[in-house]
Each structure stands twice: as structure tokens, then as C-alpha cells.
Amino acid sequence: MGKNKPIIGFILGIIVAVVIFFANIPGLERTGQMCTAFSLMTVIFWAFGIAQPGYVSGLYLLLLAVFKVAPTTLIFSTWTTSMMYLIIGAYLIAVAVKESGLGERIAYKFIVKYVSSFKSIIVSIFALTFILALLIPHPWPRAFLIM
């Protein structure tokens, strides 16, 4: 796949969306069918890495609004809550910790001091998760940092 992976993902995502969009699925309303088509297309775009996840997510929200799958107040309601800005802040902290190398330094010092067996590796992962929780309160950015 290599170089052609994004192109294949783009074509596959569009094909899946069109097939589901025009399929006759009994018991599923038209808006539900459109939402399913756009959701699967978005997942395929993410999986094949056709663009950065933020752009793909923006495209998804735009498609939901343009095709009136739900009211725009509902689609964009997450952006009006304080939780969204806490999550964005947590991602900014995670990027800062990753770019500065602070997370790696903490992990290396902890590993050198406390890891001596496979069992201690597992225990260390849990312990480091708690230590990183003090720096990065939200679990998604913490997972982003570990990746």
C-alpha cells in the first residue's frame, strides 16, 4: 500500500459513504443512514490517514451540518461547554510535555529505579499513569502522550 494508502483510503471512504447513503436499510431513518455513512467514511479516513484527524473531524461536522443530519446547535454544542476547552488545554500540556522530553525523563528515572522484572514493568505502567495524571488531567491527551 505504502504511498497509495491515503488515496486508497479516500476512494474507499467515499465508496462506503455513497453505498450506505443510497442503500435501502429497513428500520433506519434517512438522517440515521446519512449519519452512519458519514461516520464510517470518517473512520476510514482516520484509519488510512488521509489527513490529520482534526481536519477529518471538521469535515465530519461540516457534512452533518450541510446535510442537516441534526440541528447545528446540537452538532456544535460541545464547543460551547467548558469541558471542550479543558480538553484542548490538556492536549496543549501533553504536547508541551512530549516536546520538552519531560515525560520521557520521568519515565526513565522511574524505570531505572523501580523496574527489575516483567511484573514490575506492569506495575510501573500503572504508576507512571498516575504520575502523568498529575501533569495531564484528561485521559485522552495522556494516551496521546504515551503513543
C-alpha atoms as a PDB file:
ATOM      1  CA  MET A   1       0.000   0.000   0.000  1.00  0.00           C
ATOM      2  CA  GLY A   2       2.727   2.498   1.044  1.00  0.00           C
ATOM      3  CA  LYS A   3       2.456   5.747  -0.904  1.00  0.00           C
ATOM      4  CA  ASN A   4      -1.015   4.969  -2.213  1.00  0.00           C
ATOM      5  CA  LYS A   5      -2.510   4.386   1.242  1.00  0.00           C
ATOM      6  CA  PRO A   6      -4.153   7.841   1.539  1.00  0.00           C
ATOM      7  CA  ILE A   7      -5.532   7.653  -1.999  1.00  0.00           C
ATOM      8  CA  ILE A   8      -6.942   4.170  -1.418  1.00  0.00           C
ATOM      9  CA  GLY A   9      -8.430   5.314   1.904  1.00  0.00           C
ATOM     10  CA  PHE A  10     -10.015   8.365   0.306  1.00  0.00           C
ATOM     11  CA  ILE A  11     -11.603   6.341  -2.501  1.00  0.00           C
ATOM     12  CA  LEU A  12     -12.715   3.577  -0.121  1.00  0.00           C
ATOM     13  CA  GLY A  13     -14.235   6.106   2.297  1.00  0.00           C
ATOM     14  CA  ILE A  14     -16.191   7.817  -0.470  1.00  0.00           C
ATOM     15  CA  ILE A  15     -17.397   4.482  -1.884  1.00  0.00           C
ATOM     16  CA  VAL A  16     -18.548   3.230   1.538  1.00  0.00           C
ATOM     17  CA  ALA A  17     -20.336   6.527   2.229  1.00  0.00           C
ATOM     18  CA  VAL A  18     -22.094   6.512  -1.160  1.00  0.00           C
ATOM     19  CA  VAL A  19     -23.134   2.847  -0.840  1.00  0.00           C
ATOM     20  CA  ILE A  20     -24.606   3.376   2.631  1.00  0.00           C
ATOM     21  CA  PHE A  21     -26.109   6.728   1.615  1.00  0.00           C
ATOM     22  CA  PHE A  22     -28.084   5.149  -1.247  1.00  0.00           C
ATOM     23  CA  ALA A  23     -28.737   1.742   0.347  1.00  0.00           C
ATOM     24  CA  ASN A  24     -32.230   0.848   1.462  1.00  0.00           C
ATOM     25  CA  ILE A  25     -31.789  -0.062   5.126  1.00  0.00           C
ATOM     26  CA  PRO A  26     -35.127  -1.031   6.690  1.00  0.00           C
ATOM     27  CA  GLY A  27     -35.872   0.486  10.082  1.00  0.00           C
ATOM     28  CA  LEU A  28     -33.269   3.248   9.731  1.00  0.00           C
ATOM     29  CA  GLU A  29     -34.420   6.801   9.092  1.00  0.00           C
ATOM     30  CA  ARG A  30     -32.783   8.846   6.350  1.00  0.00           C
ATOM     31  CA  THR A  31     -30.888  11.037   8.837  1.00  0.00           C
ATOM     32  CA  GLY A  32     -29.619   7.952  10.641  1.00  0.00           C
ATOM     33  CA  GLN A  33     -28.494   6.497   7.340  1.00  0.00           C
ATOM     34  CA  MET A  34     -26.623   9.701   6.447  1.00  0.00           C
ATOM     35  CA  CYS A  35     -25.027   9.822   9.894  1.00  0.00           C
ATOM     36  CA  THR A  36     -23.897   6.198   9.521  1.00  0.00           C
ATOM     37  CA  ALA A  37     -22.470   6.879   6.058  1.00  0.00           C
ATOM     38  CA  PHE A  38     -20.544   9.950   7.215  1.00  0.00           C
ATOM     39  CA  SER A  39     -19.348   8.212  10.389  1.00  0.00           C
ATOM     40  CA  LEU A  40     -17.966   5.195   8.523  1.00  0.00           C
ATOM     41  CA  MET A  41     -16.351   7.443   5.934  1.00  0.00           C
ATOM     42  CA  THR A  42     -14.696   9.425   8.732  1.00  0.00           C
ATOM     43  CA  VAL A  43     -13.416   6.274  10.442  1.00  0.00           C
ATOM     44  CA  ILE A  44     -11.941   5.050   7.146  1.00  0.00           C
ATOM     45  CA  PHE A  45     -10.309   8.444   6.579  1.00  0.00           C
ATOM     46  CA  TRP A  46      -8.782   8.256  10.080  1.00  0.00           C
ATOM     47  CA  ALA A  47      -7.628   4.665   9.628  1.00  0.00           C
ATOM     48  CA  PHE A  48      -5.930   5.368   6.305  1.00  0.00           C
ATOM     49  CA  GLY A  49      -4.530   8.697   7.468  1.00  0.00           C
ATOM     50  CA  ILE A  50      -5.716  10.729   4.501  1.00  0.00           C
ATOM     51  CA  ALA A  51      -5.444  13.939   6.559  1.00  0.00           C
ATOM     52  CA  GLN A  52      -4.772  14.967  10.124  1.00  0.00           C
ATOM     53  CA  PRO A  53      -7.555  13.841  12.477  1.00  0.00           C
ATOM     54  CA  GLY A  54      -8.611  17.418  13.232  1.00  0.00           C
ATOM     55  CA  TYR A  55      -9.331  18.124   9.574  1.00  0.00           C
ATOM     56  CA  VAL A  56     -11.200  14.851   9.149  1.00  0.00           C
ATOM     57  CA  SER A  57     -13.270  15.623  12.251  1.00  0.00           C
ATOM     58  CA  GLY A  58     -14.020  19.088  10.908  1.00  0.00           C
ATOM     59  CA  LEU A  59     -15.142  17.570   7.615  1.00  0.00           C
ATOM     60  CA  TYR A  60     -17.432  15.204   9.529  1.00  0.00           C
ATOM     61  CA  LEU A  61     -19.054  18.044  11.468  1.00  0.00           C
ATOM     62  CA  LEU A  62     -19.393  20.087   8.285  1.00  0.00           C
ATOM     63  CA  LEU A  63     -21.114  17.208   6.456  1.00  0.00           C
ATOM     64  CA  LEU A  64     -23.520  16.716   9.366  1.00  0.00           C
ATOM     65  CA  ALA A  65     -24.415  20.415   9.252  1.00  0.00           C
ATOM     66  CA  VAL A  66     -24.652  20.736   5.444  1.00  0.00           C
ATOM     67  CA  PHE A  67     -26.872  17.674   5.053  1.00  0.00           C
ATOM     68  CA  LYS A  68     -28.944  18.698   8.109  1.00  0.00           C
ATOM     69  CA  VAL A  69     -28.473  15.372   9.858  1.00  0.00           C
ATOM     70  CA  ALA A  70     -29.072  17.193  13.147  1.00  0.00           C
ATOM     71  CA  PRO A  71     -29.598  20.808  14.179  1.00  0.00           C
ATOM     72  CA  THR A  72     -26.358  22.802  14.106  1.00  0.00           C
ATOM     73  CA  THR A  73     -26.910  23.788  17.730  1.00  0.00           C
ATOM     74  CA  LEU A  74     -26.689  20.107  18.611  1.00  0.00           C
ATOM     75  CA  ILE A  75     -23.767  19.318  16.281  1.00  0.00           C
ATOM     76  CA  PHE A  76     -21.593  22.118  17.628  1.00  0.00           C
ATOM     77  CA  SER A  77     -22.908  22.122  21.213  1.00  0.00           C
ATOM     78  CA  THR A  78     -19.715  20.518  22.526  1.00  0.00           C
ATOM     79  CA  TRP A  79     -17.771  23.660  21.607  1.00  0.00           C
ATOM     80  CA  THR A  80     -19.952  25.759  23.909  1.00  0.00           C
ATOM     81  CA  THR A  81     -19.107  23.790  27.043  1.00  0.00           C
ATOM     82  CA  SER A  82     -16.168  24.457  29.326  1.00  0.00           C
ATOM     83  CA  MET A  83     -15.161  20.783  29.105  1.00  0.00           C
ATOM     84  CA  MET A  84     -14.027  21.193  25.487  1.00  0.00           C
ATOM     85  CA  TYR A  85     -11.597  23.933  26.431  1.00  0.00           C
ATOM     86  CA  LEU A  86     -10.262  21.845  29.319  1.00  0.00           C
ATOM     87  CA  ILE A  87      -9.606  19.013  26.855  1.00  0.00           C
ATOM     88  CA  ILE A  88      -7.867  21.381  24.420  1.00  0.00           C
ATOM     89  CA  GLY A  89      -5.745  22.699  27.288  1.00  0.00           C
ATOM     90  CA  ALA A  90      -4.862  19.155  28.310  1.00  0.00           C
ATOM     91  CA  TYR A  91      -3.738  18.395  24.748  1.00  0.00           C
ATOM     92  CA  LEU A  92      -1.572  21.521  24.758  1.00  0.00           C
ATOM     93  CA  ILE A  93       0.033  20.403  28.022  1.00  0.00           C
ATOM     94  CA  ALA A  94       0.544  16.895  26.597  1.00  0.00           C
ATOM     95  CA  VAL A  95       2.296  18.298  23.533  1.00  0.00           C
ATOM     96  CA  ALA A  96       4.479  20.500  25.737  1.00  0.00           C
ATOM     97  CA  VAL A  97       5.416  17.537  27.950  1.00  0.00           C
ATOM     98  CA  LYS A  98       6.176  15.404  24.891  1.00  0.00           C
ATOM     99  CA  GLU A  99       8.192  18.064  23.034  1.00  0.00           C
ATOM    100  CA  SER A 100      10.187  19.049  26.119  1.00  0.00           C
ATOM    101  CA  GLY A 101      11.008  15.427  26.919  1.00  0.00           C
ATOM    102  CA  LEU A 102       9.686  15.766  30.474  1.00  0.00           C
ATOM    103  CA  GLY A 103       7.520  12.655  30.178  1.00  0.00           C
ATOM    104  CA  GLU A 104      10.455  10.559  28.949  1.00  0.00           C
ATOM    105  CA  ARG A 105      12.757  11.847  31.691  1.00  0.00           C
ATOM    106  CA  ILE A 106      10.206  10.986  34.370  1.00  0.00           C
ATOM    107  CA  ALA A 107       9.653   7.541  32.838  1.00  0.00           C
ATOM    108  CA  TYR A 108      13.399   6.786  32.513  1.00  0.00           C
ATOM    109  CA  LYS A 109      14.187   7.803  36.089  1.00  0.00           C
ATOM    110  CA  PHE A 110      11.270   5.745  37.339  1.00  0.00           C
ATOM    111  CA  ILE A 111      12.264   2.712  35.240  1.00  0.00           C
ATOM    112  CA  VAL A 112      15.922   2.800  36.296  1.00  0.00           C
ATOM    113  CA  LYS A 113      14.955   2.969  39.944  1.00  0.00           C
ATOM    114  CA  TYR A 114      11.985   0.599  40.165  1.00  0.00           C
ATOM    115  CA  VAL A 115      11.872  -1.815  37.192  1.00  0.00           C
ATOM    116  CA  SER A 116      13.665  -5.129  37.599  1.00  0.00           C
ATOM    117  CA  SER A 117      11.229  -7.765  36.281  1.00  0.00           C
ATOM    118  CA  PHE A 118       8.253  -8.213  33.985  1.00  0.00           C
ATOM    119  CA  LYS A 119       5.874  -7.840  36.922  1.00  0.00           C
ATOM    120  CA  SER A 120       7.479  -4.561  37.896  1.00  0.00           C
ATOM    121  CA  ILE A 121       7.079  -3.309  34.310  1.00  0.00           C
ATOM    122  CA  ILE A 122       3.307  -3.779  34.540  1.00  0.00           C
ATOM    123  CA  VAL A 123       3.164  -2.131  37.953  1.00  0.00           C
ATOM    124  CA  SER A 124       5.349   0.704  36.630  1.00  0.00           C
ATOM    125  CA  ILE A 125       2.971   1.388  33.759  1.00  0.00           C
ATOM    126  CA  PHE A 126       0.141   1.905  36.228  1.00  0.00           C
ATOM    127  CA  ALA A 127       2.340   4.032  38.494  1.00  0.00           C
ATOM    128  CA  LEU A 128       3.542   6.208  35.607  1.00  0.00           C
ATOM    129  CA  THR A 129      -0.055   6.682  34.528  1.00  0.00           C
ATOM    130  CA  PHE A 130      -0.860   8.090  37.967  1.00  0.00           C
ATOM    131  CA  ILE A 131       2.233  10.320  37.911  1.00  0.00           C
ATOM    132  CA  LEU A 132       1.336  11.638  34.456  1.00  0.00           C
ATOM    133  CA  ALA A 133      -2.220  12.216  35.707  1.00  0.00           C
ATOM    134  CA  LEU A 134      -0.829  14.978  37.905  1.00  0.00           C
ATOM    135  CA  LEU A 135       0.611  16.730  34.840  1.00  0.00           C
ATOM    136  CA  ILE A 136      -2.104  15.888  32.308  1.00  0.00           C
ATOM    137  CA  PRO A 137      -5.522  15.516  33.936  1.00  0.00           C
ATOM    138  CA  HIS A 138      -7.515  14.251  30.942  1.00  0.00           C
ATOM    139  CA  PRO A 139      -7.048  10.590  29.835  1.00  0.00           C
ATOM    140  CA  TRP A 140      -7.153  11.201  26.055  1.00  0.00           C
ATOM    141  CA  PRO A 141      -4.125  13.510  25.933  1.00  0.00           C
ATOM    142  CA  ARG A 142      -2.310  11.178  28.345  1.00  0.00           C
ATOM    143  CA  ALA A 143      -2.889   8.332  25.899  1.00  0.00           C
ATOM    144  CA  PHE A 144      -1.702  10.639  23.104  1.00  0.00           C
ATOM    145  CA  LEU A 145       1.492  11.285  25.067  1.00  0.00           C
ATOM    146  CA  ILE A 146       2.120   7.574  25.658  1.00  0.00           C
ATOM    147  CA  MET A 147       1.682   6.842  21.935  1.00  0.00           C
END
